[in-house]
Amino acid sequence: MSTNPQLTYSVGGPNSNFKDLASIDTATLAQGNVTVLVYPGEYAALTSAVLKDVSFRGMGHQDEIKINGDFTIANLQQAQSIFQT
């Protein structure tokens, strides 16, 4: 578990930090203890992502959030990452 404080970012919602999943930079995903709130919309899947202790949480009904393609994780750095809807 990371010793960093919990960091929360949003994609596609009000006051979003990133317009889509592909806009999230590697440093953000690899810093540890990160939650990404994914708001309703259609997104391309991340490819070659480097994740460290990341949680992706859907912020709407599962039918409102569409991720096209397969997530591919290049490296999962000594922590767990989870996907929630």
N, C-alpha and C. Protein backbone atom coordinates (compact mmCIF):
# COMPACT_ATOMS: atom_id res chain seq x y z
N MET A 1 0.83 -1.18 0.00
CA MET A 1 0.00 0.00 0.00
C MET A 1 0.87 1.24 0.00
N SER A 2 0.45 2.22 -0.74
CA SER A 2 1.20 3.46 -0.89
C SER A 2 1.12 4.30 0.37
N THR A 3 2.17 5.08 0.61
CA THR A 3 2.15 6.01 1.73
C THR A 3 1.69 7.39 1.28
N ASN A 4 1.42 7.56 -0.02
CA ASN A 4 0.91 8.82 -0.54
C ASN A 4 -0.52 9.04 -0.05
N PRO A 5 -0.93 10.31 0.08
CA PRO A 5 -2.34 10.57 0.41
C PRO A 5 -3.23 10.12 -0.75
N GLN A 6 -4.50 9.82 -0.44
CA GLN A 6 -5.45 9.42 -1.49
C GLN A 6 -5.64 10.56 -2.47
N LEU A 7 -5.48 10.30 -3.74
CA LEU A 7 -5.65 11.29 -4.79
C LEU A 7 -6.81 10.88 -5.67
N THR A 8 -7.72 11.80 -5.95
CA THR A 8 -8.89 11.50 -6.76
C THR A 8 -8.92 12.41 -7.97
N TYR A 9 -9.11 11.79 -9.14
CA TYR A 9 -9.20 12.52 -10.40
C TYR A 9 -10.50 12.12 -11.07
N SER A 10 -11.02 12.99 -11.93
CA SER A 10 -12.24 12.62 -12.65
C SER A 10 -12.05 12.73 -14.15
N VAL A 11 -12.79 11.89 -14.86
CA VAL A 11 -12.75 11.83 -16.32
C VAL A 11 -14.17 12.07 -16.83
N GLY A 12 -14.32 13.09 -17.66
CA GLY A 12 -15.58 13.31 -18.36
C GLY A 12 -16.72 13.86 -17.55
N GLY A 13 -16.53 14.21 -16.32
CA GLY A 13 -17.62 14.71 -15.50
C GLY A 13 -17.46 16.17 -15.16
N PRO A 14 -18.23 16.63 -14.19
CA PRO A 14 -18.10 18.02 -13.77
C PRO A 14 -16.72 18.25 -13.16
N ASN A 15 -16.11 19.34 -13.53
CA ASN A 15 -14.77 19.67 -13.02
C ASN A 15 -13.75 18.56 -13.29
N SER A 16 -13.84 17.95 -14.47
CA SER A 16 -12.96 16.81 -14.76
C SER A 16 -11.52 17.26 -14.92
N ASN A 17 -10.62 16.36 -14.51
CA ASN A 17 -9.19 16.59 -14.67
C ASN A 17 -8.71 16.16 -16.04
N PHE A 18 -9.41 15.17 -16.62
CA PHE A 18 -9.01 14.62 -17.91
C PHE A 18 -10.25 14.46 -18.78
N LYS A 19 -10.11 14.76 -20.09
CA LYS A 19 -11.27 14.66 -20.98
C LYS A 19 -11.63 13.22 -21.30
N ASP A 20 -10.63 12.33 -21.26
CA ASP A 20 -10.88 10.91 -21.53
C ASP A 20 -9.79 10.08 -20.87
N LEU A 21 -9.93 8.77 -20.92
CA LEU A 21 -8.96 7.89 -20.26
C LEU A 21 -7.56 8.03 -20.86
N ALA A 22 -7.49 8.19 -22.17
CA ALA A 22 -6.19 8.29 -22.84
C ALA A 22 -5.41 9.54 -22.45
N SER A 23 -6.10 10.53 -21.90
CA SER A 23 -5.45 11.77 -21.49
C SER A 23 -4.75 11.67 -20.14
N ILE A 24 -4.99 10.58 -19.42
CA ILE A 24 -4.35 10.42 -18.10
C ILE A 24 -2.90 10.03 -18.31
N ASP A 25 -2.00 10.84 -17.82
CA ASP A 25 -0.58 10.59 -18.05
C ASP A 25 -0.06 9.46 -17.15
N THR A 26 1.04 8.88 -17.56
CA THR A 26 1.65 7.76 -16.85
C THR A 26 2.02 8.12 -15.43
N ALA A 27 2.53 9.32 -15.21
CA ALA A 27 2.93 9.74 -13.86
C ALA A 27 1.74 9.71 -12.91
N THR A 28 0.58 10.11 -13.38
CA THR A 28 -0.63 10.10 -12.54
C THR A 28 -1.01 8.68 -12.17
N LEU A 29 -0.99 7.77 -13.13
CA LEU A 29 -1.41 6.39 -12.89
C LEU A 29 -0.39 5.60 -12.08
N ALA A 30 0.87 6.01 -12.09
CA ALA A 30 1.92 5.26 -11.42
C ALA A 30 2.31 5.82 -10.06
N GLN A 31 1.67 6.92 -9.63
CA GLN A 31 2.08 7.54 -8.37
C GLN A 31 1.55 6.80 -7.13
N GLY A 32 0.53 6.00 -7.30
CA GLY A 32 0.02 5.21 -6.18
C GLY A 32 -1.10 5.91 -5.43
N ASN A 33 -2.02 5.09 -4.90
CA ASN A 33 -3.14 5.55 -4.09
C ASN A 33 -4.04 6.53 -4.86
N VAL A 34 -4.41 6.15 -6.06
CA VAL A 34 -5.19 7.01 -6.96
C VAL A 34 -6.56 6.40 -7.22
N THR A 35 -7.59 7.25 -7.19
CA THR A 35 -8.93 6.86 -7.61
C THR A 35 -9.29 7.71 -8.82
N VAL A 36 -9.76 7.05 -9.88
CA VAL A 36 -10.20 7.74 -11.09
C VAL A 36 -11.71 7.55 -11.19
N LEU A 37 -12.46 8.64 -11.10
CA LEU A 37 -13.91 8.61 -11.23
C LEU A 37 -14.25 8.78 -12.70
N VAL A 38 -14.91 7.79 -13.28
CA VAL A 38 -15.23 7.81 -14.71
C VAL A 38 -16.73 8.10 -14.85
N TYR A 39 -17.04 9.26 -15.43
CA TYR A 39 -18.43 9.69 -15.59
C TYR A 39 -19.00 9.18 -16.91
N PRO A 40 -20.34 9.18 -17.03
CA PRO A 40 -20.97 8.67 -18.25
C PRO A 40 -20.37 9.25 -19.53
N GLY A 41 -20.20 8.36 -20.49
CA GLY A 41 -19.64 8.73 -21.78
C GLY A 41 -19.07 7.50 -22.45
N GLU A 42 -18.47 7.72 -23.59
CA GLU A 42 -17.84 6.64 -24.35
C GLU A 42 -16.36 6.95 -24.45
N TYR A 43 -15.54 5.99 -24.08
CA TYR A 43 -14.11 6.19 -23.99
C TYR A 43 -13.35 5.06 -24.68
N ALA A 44 -12.17 5.37 -25.17
CA ALA A 44 -11.25 4.35 -25.67
C ALA A 44 -10.51 3.77 -24.46
N ALA A 45 -10.27 2.48 -24.48
CA ALA A 45 -9.57 1.82 -23.38
C ALA A 45 -8.12 2.27 -23.31
N LEU A 46 -7.57 2.22 -22.12
CA LEU A 46 -6.14 2.50 -21.95
C LEU A 46 -5.34 1.36 -22.56
N THR A 47 -4.23 1.68 -23.17
CA THR A 47 -3.34 0.65 -23.71
C THR A 47 -1.95 0.91 -23.16
N SER A 48 -1.26 -0.13 -22.81
CA SER A 48 0.09 -0.06 -22.25
C SER A 48 0.15 0.81 -21.00
N ALA A 49 -0.86 0.73 -20.17
CA ALA A 49 -0.90 1.54 -18.95
C ALA A 49 0.03 0.96 -17.88
N VAL A 50 0.66 1.85 -17.14
CA VAL A 50 1.46 1.48 -15.98
C VAL A 50 0.66 1.93 -14.76
N LEU A 51 0.18 0.96 -13.98
CA LEU A 51 -0.70 1.27 -12.85
C LEU A 51 -0.04 0.90 -11.53
N LYS A 52 -0.26 1.73 -10.54
CA LYS A 52 0.18 1.41 -9.18
C LYS A 52 -0.93 1.83 -8.22
N ASP A 53 -1.60 0.87 -7.63
CA ASP A 53 -2.64 1.12 -6.64
C ASP A 53 -3.67 2.12 -7.16
N VAL A 54 -4.32 1.75 -8.26
CA VAL A 54 -5.31 2.61 -8.92
C VAL A 54 -6.68 1.96 -8.86
N SER A 55 -7.68 2.76 -8.58
CA SER A 55 -9.07 2.30 -8.60
C SER A 55 -9.81 3.12 -9.64
N PHE A 56 -10.47 2.44 -10.59
CA PHE A 56 -11.34 3.10 -11.56
C PHE A 56 -12.77 2.88 -11.09
N ARG A 57 -13.51 3.95 -10.87
CA ARG A 57 -14.87 3.83 -10.34
C ARG A 57 -15.86 4.51 -11.28
N GLY A 58 -16.82 3.73 -11.78
CA GLY A 58 -17.86 4.28 -12.63
C GLY A 58 -18.83 5.13 -11.82
N MET A 59 -19.15 6.32 -12.32
CA MET A 59 -20.01 7.26 -11.60
C MET A 59 -21.36 7.41 -12.28
N GLY A 60 -21.94 6.34 -12.64
CA GLY A 60 -23.24 6.34 -13.29
C GLY A 60 -23.65 4.89 -13.48
N HIS A 61 -24.77 4.71 -14.12
CA HIS A 61 -25.23 3.36 -14.41
C HIS A 61 -24.25 2.70 -15.37
N GLN A 62 -24.04 1.41 -15.23
CA GLN A 62 -23.06 0.71 -16.05
C GLN A 62 -23.34 0.82 -17.54
N ASP A 63 -24.59 1.02 -17.93
CA ASP A 63 -24.92 1.18 -19.35
C ASP A 63 -24.56 2.57 -19.88
N GLU A 64 -24.27 3.51 -19.00
CA GLU A 64 -23.95 4.88 -19.41
C GLU A 64 -22.46 5.10 -19.62
N ILE A 65 -21.64 4.14 -19.20
CA ILE A 65 -20.19 4.27 -19.33
C ILE A 65 -19.71 3.16 -20.25
N LYS A 66 -19.22 3.55 -21.41
CA LYS A 66 -18.77 2.56 -22.40
C LYS A 66 -17.28 2.74 -22.64
N ILE A 67 -16.55 1.64 -22.50
CA ILE A 67 -15.12 1.65 -22.77
C ILE A 67 -14.90 0.71 -23.94
N ASN A 68 -14.46 1.29 -25.05
CA ASN A 68 -14.24 0.53 -26.28
C ASN A 68 -12.83 -0.06 -26.30
N GLY A 69 -12.74 -1.35 -26.55
CA GLY A 69 -11.45 -2.02 -26.62
C GLY A 69 -11.10 -2.67 -25.30
N ASP A 70 -9.94 -3.28 -25.27
CA ASP A 70 -9.47 -3.97 -24.07
C ASP A 70 -8.44 -3.11 -23.35
N PHE A 71 -8.57 -3.03 -22.03
CA PHE A 71 -7.52 -2.40 -21.23
C PHE A 71 -6.29 -3.29 -21.34
N THR A 72 -5.15 -2.72 -21.61
CA THR A 72 -3.91 -3.48 -21.57
C THR A 72 -2.99 -2.81 -20.57
N ILE A 73 -2.49 -3.59 -19.65
CA ILE A 73 -1.64 -3.07 -18.58
C ILE A 73 -0.22 -3.52 -18.84
N ALA A 74 0.66 -2.56 -19.04
CA ALA A 74 2.05 -2.87 -19.33
C ALA A 74 2.79 -3.31 -18.08
N ASN A 75 2.43 -2.72 -16.95
CA ASN A 75 3.14 -3.02 -15.71
C ASN A 75 2.21 -2.71 -14.55
N LEU A 76 2.06 -3.66 -13.65
CA LEU A 76 1.29 -3.47 -12.44
C LEU A 76 2.29 -3.45 -11.30
N GLN A 77 2.61 -2.27 -10.82
CA GLN A 77 3.71 -2.07 -9.87
C GLN A 77 3.35 -2.43 -8.44
N GLN A 78 3.68 -3.58 -7.98
CA GLN A 78 3.62 -4.02 -6.58
C GLN A 78 2.44 -3.48 -5.80
N ALA A 79 1.30 -3.39 -6.40
CA ALA A 79 0.09 -2.96 -5.69
C ALA A 79 -1.10 -3.46 -6.49
N GLN A 80 -2.27 -3.35 -5.93
CA GLN A 80 -3.43 -3.81 -6.66
C GLN A 80 -4.15 -2.64 -7.32
N SER A 81 -4.83 -2.93 -8.39
CA SER A 81 -5.69 -1.96 -9.06
C SER A 81 -7.03 -2.62 -9.23
N ILE A 82 -8.11 -1.83 -9.08
CA ILE A 82 -9.45 -2.38 -9.14
C ILE A 82 -10.33 -1.57 -10.07
N PHE A 83 -11.36 -2.23 -10.58
CA PHE A 83 -12.35 -1.59 -11.44
C PHE A 83 -13.70 -1.79 -10.76
N GLN A 84 -14.44 -0.71 -10.56
CA GLN A 84 -15.75 -0.79 -9.93
C GLN A 84 -16.80 -0.13 -10.81
N THR A 85 -18.02 -0.69 -10.80
CA THR A 85 -19.13 -0.04 -11.49
C THR A 85 -20.25 0.19 -10.50
